Structures are given as C-alpha cells and as structure tokens.
C-alpha cells in the first residue's frame, strides 16, 4: 500500500511542478492516466493482500431514493438527521461522535427518502485514511449527496471534500462526458471531433490510450473535452450525481457573510440546532432527486392521492412503472 501511496504522491508532485501549456499537454495527460490507474488500485486492492475493496457500511437500501450526508467531523450532520427524520444519532461537542452509518427515513410529498448520516470524513480519505474508504463507498450508492459545511469555514472544507470525492470517482453536479470511446481489433487510434479542440490532440489521446494498453480504438468528441474526461470514459467506473452544499450553523455568522455564501451554486443555508430553513433543504433534495410521482386509479374508484408510485429520474417508462408495482405485471400487460 505504501508503494502505491508513494507513487501517487510522486505523480501529484510532478503534476504540480509541470507548467500547463500546449507543449506539456501530452506529458500531463499521461500523468493523469497513471494517477487514475493508481487510485483505482488503491480502491480495489488485489485479493492476495487481505482487506478487500472499499466496502461500504452494511445499510439495507430502503425507500424510493437514498441521500448521503457527507462532511468533516462536528459540522452538524447528526443534528440535521435527528431534526429531519426523528431518528436518534448521537450528538456531542467532540469530533467523531458518529462512528458508523446511521440511517433515517423522511416521507416527503408521498416519497420515502432514506437519509444516511455517514461518519465524519478526514483529509486523505481517498488515500485510505480513517474510515474514508467506507464512507465514500457508501456515498457512491446514494442518489444525491448533501455536503454539510460549517458556516465559519465553508469554502476550505468544500474544496477538500470535493477533492476526496473526486479521487473516488464521484463527479458532483456534472453530466457524463459527451464523447464516444469504442475499442476495436485493428486500425490504430482514430480521433474525430465535431468541434475545435483546445485540450486534446491525437498525440495526447494516444499517450493516454497506451497507458491503458489500448492501441486500437475509435474516439468521437462532441465538445471540447479534456484529458480527465477521456480518462473518466476509459475507466468507466465514474458516478455522476447531484450534490447540495448545506451550510450549517448560519446563526453564528453575520448577514454580510451570509450574503457572500449566497453566491455559491447548489447551496442551501440552515441552522440544524435552531431548525432554520429545514423545509428549504427538503425542497432542494426533492428538486435535485428529480423524482416522478404517479397516482394510480383503481377500477371504478377515485384516484388514490395518498400513496403515489415513485419513479427515479433515469427510469420512468411504462415498463419501469409496471416493475415498480409487481414484476409479474409486465407479463399480463397489453
């Protein structure tokens, strides 16, 4: 493990020293590909060396959607869970009060949303420090992430947590790259693009592909993609999910500071302790989960507005609706 860690550190140091320009784009692309491969190795160690891949906490998935609370220790995740769901998660003024994953359920607009209070994350979690690997592996199973920040030091925490999640292949508030990568048996690397490219050229693409031992592929770019985008598509294990930055303890800052924070995108101010703006959080969770409610009408009766069928944003066809009710329903469906 130490050798992989050392290699990651060496590559990060070299990338920090390298100037970014057209001449070094090829070299930087190669370094980024090496870094992505090492990170994956760190997440899924070989079966020989004991300790399996980053397992999550053993929490059964329930409800229509899953939302994870991620943040540094003592930012108020447990208080937020307690106030929103009525579940008891221990709260204390010392760090690392929560040591395992505490689930709770909110019923909102007819949907049951499972909320997970994950233990406090620490810097270096993506490199296996603390219980970071478990925390982030569980975060990968969520439909939306709430990054809980302390109003007194929100920006520094925000950057650090984003870096940890990015290192684990979680892409926040981003769409999957609009490029096609197709392996083939012969013919070398073909790069076609429908737009002008400022980040990727054929040399850089070949360097990245050769790092993955892929020497024959067709790549089509439909926008000005970067080396990171290409690596994400080749790796194929990236997760794209919505994220809300919940800034807690706003009762401890001035109105001017609150106005500065208000300029953050995807942001929601709260005070969990004083129960300020908890409705605003629920409203935003609902908006970001993008769920669909379908009300059913039994034959000869009025529609049932109490118990809707909930479909996710990615799966909302008639087929998905039938499966949600009962898997045998499709066989009898006309």
Protein backbone atom coordinates (compact mmCIF):
# COMPACT_ATOMS: atom_id res chain seq x y z
CA UNK A 1 0.00 0.00 0.00
CA UNK A 2 2.81 2.41 0.91
CA UNK A 3 4.39 2.00 -2.51
CA UNK A 4 1.12 2.88 -4.30
CA UNK A 5 0.72 5.86 -1.97
CA UNK A 6 4.29 6.95 -2.70
CA UNK A 7 3.74 6.63 -6.46
CA UNK A 8 0.55 8.75 -6.20
CA UNK A 9 2.41 11.41 -4.23
CA UNK A 10 5.32 11.44 -6.74
CA UNK A 11 2.92 11.89 -9.68
CA UNK A 12 0.95 14.64 -7.87
CA UNK A 13 4.22 16.46 -7.09
CA UNK A 14 5.37 16.18 -10.71
CA UNK A 15 2.00 17.49 -11.96
CA UNK A 16 2.23 20.44 -9.56
CA UNK A 17 5.71 21.30 -10.91
CA UNK A 18 4.80 20.94 -14.59
CA UNK A 19 3.69 24.14 -16.31
CA UNK A 20 0.43 23.89 -18.24
CA UNK A 21 0.84 24.70 -21.90
CA UNK A 22 0.47 23.04 -25.30
CA UNK A 23 3.92 21.50 -25.15
CA UNK A 24 3.29 19.75 -21.81
CA UNK A 25 -0.33 18.67 -22.53
CA UNK A 26 0.86 15.27 -23.77
CA UNK A 27 3.00 14.67 -20.65
CA UNK A 28 0.24 15.84 -18.26
CA UNK A 29 -2.31 13.58 -19.97
CA UNK A 30 -0.01 10.60 -19.42
CA UNK A 31 0.48 11.51 -15.74
CA UNK A 32 -3.29 11.88 -15.22
CA UNK A 33 -3.90 8.42 -16.71
CA UNK A 34 -1.23 6.88 -14.44
CA UNK A 35 -2.78 8.64 -11.43
CA UNK A 36 -6.29 7.35 -12.26
CA UNK A 37 -4.95 3.79 -12.53
CA UNK A 38 -3.14 4.02 -9.17
CA UNK A 39 -6.23 5.46 -7.49
CA UNK A 40 -8.29 2.55 -8.79
CA UNK A 41 -5.65 0.14 -7.44
CA UNK A 42 -5.94 1.82 -4.05
CA UNK A 43 -9.74 1.41 -4.08
CA UNK A 44 -9.75 -2.22 -5.16
CA UNK A 45 -6.60 -3.87 -3.77
CA UNK A 46 -5.76 -7.31 -5.16
CA UNK A 47 -7.40 -10.23 -3.36
CA UNK A 48 -3.99 -11.62 -2.29
CA UNK A 49 -3.19 -8.92 0.23
CA UNK A 50 -6.04 -9.39 2.74
CA UNK A 51 -8.52 -6.45 3.23
CA UNK A 52 -10.89 -6.40 0.29
CA UNK A 53 -12.03 -3.46 -1.79
CA UNK A 54 -13.55 -0.39 -0.20
CA UNK A 55 -16.68 -1.93 1.32
CA UNK A 56 -19.42 0.42 2.38
CA UNK A 57 -21.31 0.29 5.66
CA UNK A 58 -23.86 -2.50 5.75
CA UNK A 59 -27.08 -0.50 5.45
CA UNK A 60 -30.01 -2.01 3.57
CA UNK A 61 -31.33 0.23 0.84
CA UNK A 62 -34.92 1.22 1.50
CA UNK A 63 -37.40 3.81 0.27
CA UNK A 64 -37.58 5.45 -3.14
CA UNK A 65 -34.24 7.29 -3.03
CA UNK A 66 -31.09 7.45 -0.93
CA UNK A 67 -29.39 10.65 0.23
CA UNK A 68 -26.00 10.67 1.99
CA UNK A 69 -24.77 13.32 4.44
CA UNK A 70 -21.03 13.85 3.94
CA UNK A 71 -18.87 16.31 5.85
CA UNK A 72 -15.99 16.82 8.25
CA UNK A 73 -16.48 15.82 11.91
CA UNK A 74 -18.65 18.10 14.09
CA UNK A 75 -20.35 20.11 11.33
CA UNK A 76 -23.84 19.05 12.48
CA UNK A 77 -24.71 16.06 10.26
CA UNK A 78 -26.22 14.08 13.17
CA UNK A 79 -28.27 17.07 14.37
CA UNK A 80 -29.59 17.55 10.83
CA UNK A 81 -30.56 13.85 10.59
CA UNK A 82 -32.26 13.97 14.00
CA UNK A 83 -34.30 17.08 13.12
CA UNK A 84 -35.30 15.90 9.62
CA UNK A 85 -36.15 12.25 10.34
CA UNK A 86 -36.69 11.96 14.09
CA UNK A 87 -34.03 9.18 14.12
CA UNK A 88 -31.61 9.32 17.02
CA UNK A 89 -27.95 9.76 16.05
CA UNK A 90 -25.67 10.66 18.94
CA UNK A 91 -24.74 14.35 19.10
CA UNK A 92 -21.82 15.71 21.16
CA UNK A 93 -19.39 18.60 21.05
CA UNK A 94 -16.36 16.38 20.37
CA UNK A 95 -15.24 15.15 16.95
CA UNK A 96 -16.06 11.68 15.53
CA UNK A 97 -19.22 11.20 17.65
CA UNK A 98 -20.76 9.12 14.84
CA UNK A 99 -18.61 6.04 14.16
CA UNK A 100 -20.91 4.05 11.90
CA UNK A 101 -23.61 4.82 9.35
CA UNK A 102 -26.96 5.85 10.87
CA UNK A 103 -29.98 5.60 8.52
CA UNK A 104 -33.24 7.56 8.86
CA UNK A 105 -36.31 7.92 6.62
CA UNK A 106 -38.20 11.09 5.62
CA UNK A 107 -41.62 10.89 3.99
CA UNK A 108 -41.90 13.91 1.72
CA UNK A 109 -44.57 14.52 -0.92
CA UNK A 110 -45.51 10.85 -0.83
CA UNK A 111 -41.92 9.61 -1.37
CA UNK A 112 -39.89 7.74 1.23
CA UNK A 113 -36.34 9.14 1.18
CA UNK A 114 -33.62 7.29 3.08
CA UNK A 115 -31.12 9.66 4.71
CA UNK A 116 -27.71 8.31 5.76
CA UNK A 117 -25.59 10.04 8.41
CA UNK A 118 -22.07 8.98 7.43
CA UNK A 119 -19.14 9.28 9.87
CA UNK A 120 -17.03 12.45 9.58
CA UNK A 121 -14.63 12.38 6.67
CA UNK A 122 -10.99 13.39 7.10
CA UNK A 123 -8.46 14.80 4.67
CA UNK A 124 -6.74 11.94 2.84
CA UNK A 125 -9.84 9.69 2.92
CA UNK A 126 -9.42 8.89 -0.78
CA UNK A 127 -5.95 7.54 0.05
CA UNK A 128 -7.40 5.15 2.64
CA UNK A 129 -7.05 7.28 5.80
CA UNK A 130 -9.57 6.91 8.65
CA UNK A 131 -12.80 5.21 7.57
CA UNK A 132 -12.83 7.36 4.46
CA UNK A 133 -12.93 4.44 2.07
CA UNK A 134 -16.06 3.02 3.73
CA UNK A 135 -17.69 6.46 3.91
CA UNK A 136 -17.12 7.20 0.24
CA UNK A 137 -18.03 3.65 -0.91
CA UNK A 138 -21.41 4.11 0.78
CA UNK A 139 -21.72 7.62 -0.71
CA UNK A 140 -21.35 6.03 -4.18
CA UNK A 141 -24.62 4.10 -3.62
CA UNK A 142 -26.63 7.31 -3.00
CA UNK A 143 -28.86 9.14 -5.48
CA UNK A 144 -27.87 12.55 -4.12
CA UNK A 145 -25.21 13.83 -1.72
CA UNK A 146 -25.57 16.56 0.87
CA UNK A 147 -22.18 18.02 1.72
CA UNK A 148 -22.68 19.54 5.17
CA UNK A 149 -20.36 22.51 5.77
CA UNK A 150 -19.67 24.67 8.80
CA UNK A 151 -20.65 28.31 8.07
CA UNK A 152 -17.43 29.54 9.72
CA UNK A 153 -15.08 27.67 7.35
CA UNK A 154 -17.24 26.55 4.41
CA UNK A 155 -15.03 27.19 1.38
CA UNK A 156 -11.91 25.38 2.65
CA UNK A 157 -13.99 22.37 3.71
CA UNK A 158 -15.91 22.40 0.42
CA UNK A 159 -12.71 22.19 -1.65
CA UNK A 160 -11.22 19.41 0.49
CA UNK A 161 -14.36 17.24 0.40
CA UNK A 162 -14.78 17.73 -3.35
CA UNK A 163 -11.17 16.62 -3.82
CA UNK A 164 -11.76 13.47 -1.71
CA UNK A 165 -14.94 12.54 -3.59
CA UNK A 166 -13.35 13.28 -6.99
CA UNK A 167 -10.47 10.96 -6.02
CA UNK A 168 -13.03 8.18 -5.56
CA UNK A 169 -14.61 8.69 -8.96
CA UNK A 170 -17.70 10.62 -7.77
CA UNK A 171 -18.43 13.57 -10.08
CA UNK A 172 -20.65 16.18 -8.43
CA UNK A 173 -23.28 18.14 -10.40
CA UNK A 174 -21.72 17.09 -13.71
CA UNK A 175 -23.08 15.33 -16.75
CA UNK A 176 -21.23 12.28 -18.19
CA UNK A 177 -18.72 13.38 -20.90
CA UNK A 178 -20.31 13.66 -24.34
CA UNK A 179 -17.74 11.53 -26.13
CA UNK A 180 -17.73 8.01 -27.56
CA UNK A 181 -14.92 5.53 -27.00
CA UNK A 182 -15.10 2.26 -28.93
CA UNK A 183 -12.40 -0.40 -28.81
CA UNK A 184 -11.64 -2.38 -31.98
CA UNK A 185 -9.25 -5.13 -33.08
CA UNK A 186 -7.06 -3.23 -35.54
CA UNK A 187 -6.61 0.10 -37.29
CA UNK A 188 -4.87 2.13 -34.59
CA UNK A 189 -6.32 5.14 -32.76
CA UNK A 190 -8.79 7.27 -34.75
CA UNK A 191 -9.81 10.63 -33.31
CA UNK A 192 -12.73 12.52 -34.83
CA UNK A 193 -14.19 15.71 -33.43
CA UNK A 194 -17.24 17.81 -34.27
CA UNK A 195 -15.81 20.92 -32.54
CA UNK A 196 -12.44 22.67 -32.24
CA UNK A 197 -10.32 21.03 -29.56
CA UNK A 198 -8.10 23.07 -27.28
CA UNK A 199 -7.24 20.36 -24.72
CA UNK A 200 -6.86 17.08 -26.62
CA UNK A 201 -4.84 16.27 -29.72
CA UNK A 202 -4.07 12.87 -31.30
CA UNK A 203 -0.69 12.59 -29.55
CA UNK A 204 -2.21 13.13 -26.08
CA UNK A 205 -5.05 10.69 -26.81
CA UNK A 206 -2.56 8.05 -27.99
CA UNK A 207 -0.44 8.55 -24.87
CA UNK A 208 -3.46 8.08 -22.58
CA UNK A 209 -4.68 5.01 -24.52
CA UNK A 210 -1.22 3.40 -24.49
CA UNK A 211 -1.11 3.80 -20.68
CA UNK A 212 -4.27 1.60 -20.66
CA UNK A 213 -2.69 -0.74 -23.25
CA UNK A 214 -5.33 0.14 -25.82
CA UNK A 215 -3.81 0.59 -29.26
CA UNK A 216 -6.92 0.34 -31.46
CA UNK A 217 -9.97 2.50 -30.81
CA UNK A 218 -12.38 4.99 -32.38
CA UNK A 219 -12.89 8.15 -30.31
CA UNK A 220 -15.51 10.78 -31.19
CA UNK A 221 -15.56 14.12 -29.35
CA UNK A 222 -18.75 16.18 -29.45
CA UNK A 223 -17.45 19.03 -27.29
CA UNK A 224 -14.12 20.47 -26.14
CA UNK A 225 -13.19 17.55 -23.87
CA UNK A 226 -10.20 17.42 -21.50
CA UNK A 227 -7.77 14.60 -20.71
CA UNK A 228 -9.71 14.00 -17.46
CA UNK A 229 -12.95 13.47 -19.41
CA UNK A 230 -11.32 10.89 -21.68
CA UNK A 231 -9.80 9.05 -18.68
CA UNK A 232 -13.22 9.02 -16.95
CA UNK A 233 -14.81 7.35 -20.01
CA UNK A 234 -11.99 4.78 -20.33
CA UNK A 235 -12.14 3.96 -16.60
CA UNK A 236 -15.92 3.57 -16.88
CA UNK A 237 -16.50 3.43 -13.11
CA UNK A 238 -17.35 7.09 -12.57
CA UNK A 239 -20.59 8.06 -10.86
CA UNK A 240 -22.34 11.32 -11.74
CA UNK A 241 -24.66 12.58 -9.03
CA UNK A 242 -26.37 15.74 -7.87
CA UNK A 243 -24.96 17.44 -4.78
CA UNK A 244 -26.28 20.14 -2.42
CA UNK A 245 -23.97 22.17 -0.18
CA UNK A 246 -25.82 22.51 3.12
CA UNK A 247 -24.14 25.33 5.07
CA UNK A 248 -24.99 24.73 8.75
CA UNK A 249 -24.65 26.97 11.85
CA UNK A 250 -25.65 30.15 9.99
CA UNK A 251 -26.77 31.56 13.38
CA UNK A 252 -23.05 32.10 14.13
CA UNK A 253 -22.27 34.40 11.18
CA UNK A 254 -23.24 37.94 10.15
CA UNK A 255 -25.77 38.88 7.47
CA UNK A 256 -22.94 40.17 5.23
CA UNK A 257 -21.16 36.80 5.43
CA UNK A 258 -24.43 35.03 4.64
CA UNK A 259 -24.84 37.18 1.52
CA UNK A 260 -21.34 36.18 0.35
CA UNK A 261 -22.19 32.49 0.88
CA UNK A 262 -25.41 33.01 -1.05
CA UNK A 263 -23.34 33.35 -4.23
CA UNK A 264 -22.29 29.67 -4.02
CA UNK A 265 -24.06 27.50 -6.60
CA UNK A 266 -26.13 24.49 -5.33
CA UNK A 267 -26.17 25.99 -1.85
CA UNK A 268 -28.71 25.86 1.00
CA UNK A 269 -28.22 27.73 4.33
CA UNK A 270 -29.57 26.13 7.55
CA UNK A 271 -29.23 26.08 11.30
CA UNK A 272 -29.99 22.47 12.29
CA UNK A 273 -29.82 23.31 16.00
CA UNK A 274 -32.38 26.16 15.74
CA UNK A 275 -34.35 24.36 12.97
CA UNK A 276 -33.97 27.23 10.49
CA UNK A 277 -34.76 26.52 6.82
CA UNK A 278 -35.20 22.71 7.18
CA UNK A 279 -38.12 22.97 4.72
CA UNK A 280 -35.74 24.61 2.27
CA UNK A 281 -33.39 21.59 2.49
CA UNK A 282 -36.24 19.14 1.84
CA UNK A 283 -37.45 21.27 -1.09
CA UNK A 284 -33.95 21.25 -2.61
CA UNK A 285 -33.47 17.49 -2.03
CA UNK A 286 -36.76 16.90 -3.86
CA UNK A 287 -35.69 19.16 -6.74
CA UNK A 288 -32.25 17.50 -7.12
CA UNK A 289 -33.57 13.91 -6.86
CA UNK A 290 -35.94 14.75 -9.74
CA UNK A 291 -38.45 12.02 -8.79
CA UNK A 292 -41.75 11.44 -10.60
CA UNK A 293 -44.99 10.74 -8.73
CA UNK A 294 -47.68 8.67 -10.44
CA UNK A 295 -51.12 8.39 -8.85
CA UNK A 296 -52.99 5.18 -9.58
CA UNK A 297 -56.75 4.84 -10.02
CA UNK A 298 -58.38 1.54 -9.06
CA UNK A 299 -61.26 0.49 -11.38
CA UNK A 300 -64.48 2.34 -10.62
CA UNK A 301 -62.92 4.34 -7.78
CA UNK A 302 -61.36 7.76 -7.32
CA UNK A 303 -57.57 8.16 -7.76
CA UNK A 304 -55.53 7.40 -4.64
CA UNK A 305 -53.74 10.67 -3.86
CA UNK A 306 -52.25 9.33 -0.61
CA UNK A 307 -49.89 6.70 -1.97
CA UNK A 308 -48.17 7.59 -5.27
CA UNK A 309 -45.84 5.28 -7.20
CA UNK A 310 -42.41 6.95 -7.28
CA UNK A 311 -40.08 6.62 -10.28
CA UNK A 312 -36.49 7.83 -10.45
CA UNK A 313 -35.24 10.43 -12.92
CA UNK A 314 -33.39 7.81 -15.00
CA UNK A 315 -36.09 5.16 -15.17
CA UNK A 316 -39.56 6.44 -15.86
CA UNK A 317 -41.11 4.43 -18.69
CA UNK A 318 -44.38 2.48 -18.52
CA UNK A 319 -42.24 -0.67 -18.18
CA UNK A 320 -40.46 0.77 -15.10
CA UNK A 321 -43.84 1.71 -13.63
CA UNK A 322 -45.14 -1.87 -14.05
CA UNK A 323 -41.99 -3.32 -12.48
CA UNK A 324 -42.34 -0.95 -9.53
CA UNK A 325 -45.82 -2.36 -8.80
CA UNK A 326 -45.06 -6.04 -9.41
CA UNK A 327 -42.64 -7.85 -11.71
CA UNK A 328 -45.39 -10.23 -12.93
CA UNK A 329 -47.48 -7.27 -14.10
CA UNK A 330 -45.44 -6.92 -17.32
CA UNK A 331 -46.36 -10.46 -18.45
CA UNK A 332 -50.08 -9.67 -18.29
CA UNK A 333 -49.72 -6.11 -19.60
CA UNK A 334 -51.30 -5.42 -23.00
